[in-house]
């Protein structure tokens, strides 16, 4: 587990008296480095909880090691007024990522406009060994339903897609899934 509070300041950002990172004029970009345990063939779950005031995080920019979250849950929202300085909403969101357990993961995201006040971030990560790659649906047995689960993982670039352990989701993983399926668990 770990956390880092790095962000890229493209000018005009400052730290408020309450500890928020704020920019009136520029769109802020953030990078969070999350150490985790490297496990060959394993998976790391990264949980990121954010709270913003004013503008929100642009959801399409929320990435972990280049992958979109597998789950996003809005935990809280309070409308402050029309967009602009002093307006927008307070929004607290939980983002869950599943990425290969390569060690350090990097979460990046950007505000959806100027006047974002970045209030809070909490990051947690845990890695686990995947005991049987061919058992994509995780039901404990290798059956034809794992093929359907692999197709779904391939279509969303979820970790179950990476059957050859190269950290990517590509058509070569289909051939690897067949080999893993034939080998069983």
Protein backbone atom coordinates (compact mmCIF):
# COMPACT_ATOMS: atom_id res chain seq x y z
CA UNK A 1 0.00 0.00 0.00
CA UNK A 2 1.14 3.51 -0.56
CA UNK A 3 0.31 6.96 -1.70
CA UNK A 4 1.81 10.01 -3.30
CA UNK A 5 0.51 13.55 -3.48
CA UNK A 6 2.10 14.64 -6.76
CA UNK A 7 0.30 16.77 -9.27
CA UNK A 8 1.40 18.56 -12.41
CA UNK A 9 0.98 22.31 -11.98
CA UNK A 10 0.46 23.93 -15.36
CA UNK A 11 0.66 27.37 -13.75
CA UNK A 12 -1.82 29.35 -11.70
CA UNK A 13 -2.54 26.63 -9.13
CA UNK A 14 -2.10 27.25 -5.42
CA UNK A 15 -2.71 25.59 -2.08
CA UNK A 16 -5.60 27.12 -0.12
CA UNK A 17 -5.58 27.68 3.64
CA UNK A 18 -7.69 24.53 4.03
CA UNK A 19 -5.18 22.45 2.06
CA UNK A 20 -7.10 22.27 -1.23
CA UNK A 21 -5.24 22.48 -4.52
CA UNK A 22 -7.06 25.16 -6.50
CA UNK A 23 -6.81 26.91 -9.83
CA UNK A 24 -9.02 29.76 -11.02
CA UNK A 25 -7.59 29.96 -14.54
CA UNK A 26 -6.15 26.58 -15.51
CA UNK A 27 -7.27 22.98 -15.79
CA UNK A 28 -5.38 20.94 -13.20
CA UNK A 29 -3.79 17.58 -14.03
CA UNK A 30 -2.96 15.06 -11.32
CA UNK A 31 -0.75 12.00 -10.99
CA UNK A 32 -0.81 9.64 -8.01
CA UNK A 33 1.90 6.99 -7.70
CA UNK A 34 0.61 3.94 -5.85
CA UNK A 35 3.15 1.33 -4.72
CA UNK A 36 1.86 -2.23 -4.58
CA UNK A 37 3.28 -5.69 -4.30
CA UNK A 38 4.43 -7.15 -7.63
CA UNK A 39 3.04 -10.65 -8.16
CA UNK A 40 3.80 -12.49 -11.38
CA UNK A 41 0.49 -13.12 -13.13
CA UNK A 42 -1.35 -11.41 -10.26
CA UNK A 43 -3.81 -8.56 -10.11
CA UNK A 44 -3.79 -5.30 -8.15
CA UNK A 45 -6.98 -3.58 -7.08
CA UNK A 46 -6.51 0.17 -6.73
CA UNK A 47 -9.20 2.16 -4.91
CA UNK A 48 -9.14 5.96 -5.30
CA UNK A 49 -11.58 8.14 -3.39
CA UNK A 50 -11.68 11.80 -4.45
CA UNK A 51 -13.52 14.89 -3.26
CA UNK A 52 -13.69 18.03 -5.39
CA UNK A 53 -15.37 21.39 -4.98
CA UNK A 54 -16.54 23.56 -7.88
CA UNK A 55 -15.61 21.76 -11.08
CA UNK A 56 -15.39 17.98 -11.13
CA UNK A 57 -12.89 15.46 -12.41
CA UNK A 58 -13.35 14.67 -16.10
CA UNK A 59 -14.34 10.96 -15.86
CA UNK A 60 -12.78 10.02 -19.22
CA UNK A 61 -9.36 11.13 -17.92
CA UNK A 62 -9.45 8.95 -14.77
CA UNK A 63 -6.95 6.20 -15.62
CA UNK A 64 -4.73 3.75 -13.77
CA UNK A 65 -1.78 2.54 -15.81
CA UNK A 66 -3.74 3.69 -18.87
CA UNK A 67 -6.87 1.67 -18.01
CA UNK A 68 -10.30 3.08 -17.17
CA UNK A 69 -11.93 2.19 -13.84
CA UNK A 70 -13.92 -1.04 -13.69
CA UNK A 71 -16.32 0.62 -11.26
CA UNK A 72 -17.20 4.21 -10.37
CA UNK A 73 -19.49 5.10 -7.48
CA UNK A 74 -20.58 8.63 -6.64
CA UNK A 75 -20.69 8.71 -2.84
CA UNK A 76 -21.82 12.27 -2.21
CA UNK A 77 -22.95 15.39 -4.09
CA UNK A 78 -23.89 18.84 -2.80
CA UNK A 79 -24.87 21.54 -5.28
CA UNK A 80 -23.12 24.86 -4.48
CA UNK A 81 -24.55 27.03 -7.25
CA UNK A 82 -24.11 27.78 -10.97
CA UNK A 83 -20.72 26.93 -12.51
CA UNK A 84 -17.96 29.43 -11.98
CA UNK A 85 -16.06 30.71 -8.99
CA UNK A 86 -17.95 29.68 -5.86
CA UNK A 87 -20.35 27.46 -7.84
CA UNK A 88 -20.47 23.88 -9.03
CA UNK A 89 -20.77 21.00 -6.58
CA UNK A 90 -18.92 19.17 -3.85
CA UNK A 91 -18.52 15.67 -5.26
CA UNK A 92 -17.04 12.61 -3.58
CA UNK A 93 -16.37 9.62 -5.84
CA UNK A 94 -14.88 6.16 -5.45
CA UNK A 95 -12.99 4.75 -8.46
CA UNK A 96 -11.97 1.05 -8.56
CA UNK A 97 -9.28 -0.22 -10.93
CA UNK A 98 -8.05 -3.76 -11.63
CA UNK A 99 -4.55 -3.77 -13.15
CA UNK A 100 -1.75 -6.33 -13.51
CA UNK A 101 0.31 -6.66 -10.30
CA UNK A 102 3.47 -5.17 -11.79
CA UNK A 103 4.37 -3.16 -8.69
CA UNK A 104 3.84 0.60 -8.80
CA UNK A 105 0.65 1.84 -10.45
CA UNK A 106 0.10 5.40 -11.68
CA UNK A 107 -3.33 7.03 -11.47
CA UNK A 108 -3.85 10.13 -13.64
CA UNK A 109 -6.81 12.47 -14.02
CA UNK A 110 -7.71 15.99 -15.06
CA UNK A 111 -10.29 18.56 -14.00
CA UNK A 112 -13.17 19.10 -16.44
CA UNK A 113 -12.52 22.84 -16.41
CA UNK A 114 -10.95 25.67 -14.46
CA UNK A 115 -12.12 26.46 -10.89
CA UNK A 116 -11.64 22.93 -9.59
CA UNK A 117 -10.74 22.81 -5.92
CA UNK A 118 -9.20 19.41 -5.21
CA UNK A 119 -10.14 18.79 -1.62
CA UNK A 120 -9.22 15.20 -0.77
CA UNK A 121 -7.82 11.95 -2.14
CA UNK A 122 -7.45 8.57 -0.46
CA UNK A 123 -5.72 5.69 -2.20
CA UNK A 124 -5.54 2.04 -1.24
CA UNK A 125 -4.19 -0.88 -3.20
CA UNK A 126 -3.84 -4.60 -2.70
CA UNK A 127 -2.38 -7.29 -4.89
CA UNK A 128 -3.41 -10.91 -5.12
CA UNK A 129 -2.29 -13.96 -6.99
CA UNK A 130 -4.59 -15.23 -9.70
CA UNK A 131 -4.55 -18.96 -9.19
CA UNK A 132 -5.93 -20.07 -12.54
CA UNK A 133 -5.78 -17.72 -15.54
CA UNK A 134 -8.26 -19.77 -17.60
CA UNK A 135 -10.90 -19.42 -14.84
CA UNK A 136 -11.76 -15.90 -15.98
CA UNK A 137 -15.14 -15.79 -14.23
CA UNK A 138 -13.55 -16.91 -10.93
CA UNK A 139 -16.05 -19.67 -10.14
CA UNK A 140 -13.30 -22.17 -9.27
CA UNK A 141 -13.57 -24.34 -12.38
CA UNK A 142 -12.58 -24.07 -16.02
CA UNK A 143 -15.70 -24.39 -18.20
CA UNK A 144 -16.97 -22.93 -21.49
CA UNK A 145 -18.53 -20.06 -19.50
CA UNK A 146 -14.97 -18.80 -18.99
CA UNK A 147 -14.81 -18.15 -22.73
CA UNK A 148 -17.78 -15.77 -22.42
CA UNK A 149 -16.07 -14.14 -19.43
CA UNK A 150 -12.85 -13.80 -21.44
CA UNK A 151 -14.74 -12.11 -24.32
CA UNK A 152 -16.24 -9.64 -21.82
CA UNK A 153 -12.78 -9.01 -20.32
CA UNK A 154 -11.34 -8.50 -23.80
CA UNK A 155 -14.07 -6.01 -24.75
CA UNK A 156 -13.42 -3.92 -21.62
CA UNK A 157 -9.64 -4.53 -21.37
CA UNK A 158 -10.18 -6.01 -17.91
CA UNK A 159 -7.29 -7.93 -16.29
CA UNK A 160 -8.86 -11.35 -17.02
CA UNK A 161 -8.12 -10.65 -20.68
CA UNK A 162 -4.33 -10.75 -20.17
CA UNK A 163 -3.76 -14.49 -20.51
CA UNK A 164 -0.12 -14.35 -21.62
CA UNK A 165 1.06 -12.08 -18.77
CA UNK A 166 2.45 -9.29 -20.95
CA UNK A 167 0.36 -6.60 -19.20
CA UNK A 168 -1.70 -5.90 -22.32
CA UNK A 169 -5.05 -7.00 -23.69
CA UNK A 170 -4.50 -8.03 -27.32
CA UNK A 171 -5.76 -10.72 -29.70
CA UNK A 172 -2.72 -12.86 -28.78
CA UNK A 173 -4.39 -13.36 -25.40
CA UNK A 174 -7.10 -15.41 -27.11
CA UNK A 175 -4.53 -18.00 -28.21
CA UNK A 176 -3.06 -17.91 -24.69
CA UNK A 177 -6.55 -18.41 -23.16
CA UNK A 178 -7.09 -21.51 -25.32
CA UNK A 179 -3.74 -22.93 -24.16
CA UNK A 180 -4.58 -22.09 -20.52
CA UNK A 181 -8.04 -23.64 -20.92
CA UNK A 182 -6.58 -26.84 -22.38
CA UNK A 183 -4.03 -27.02 -19.55
CA UNK A 184 -6.77 -26.67 -16.93
CA UNK A 185 -6.01 -25.72 -13.36
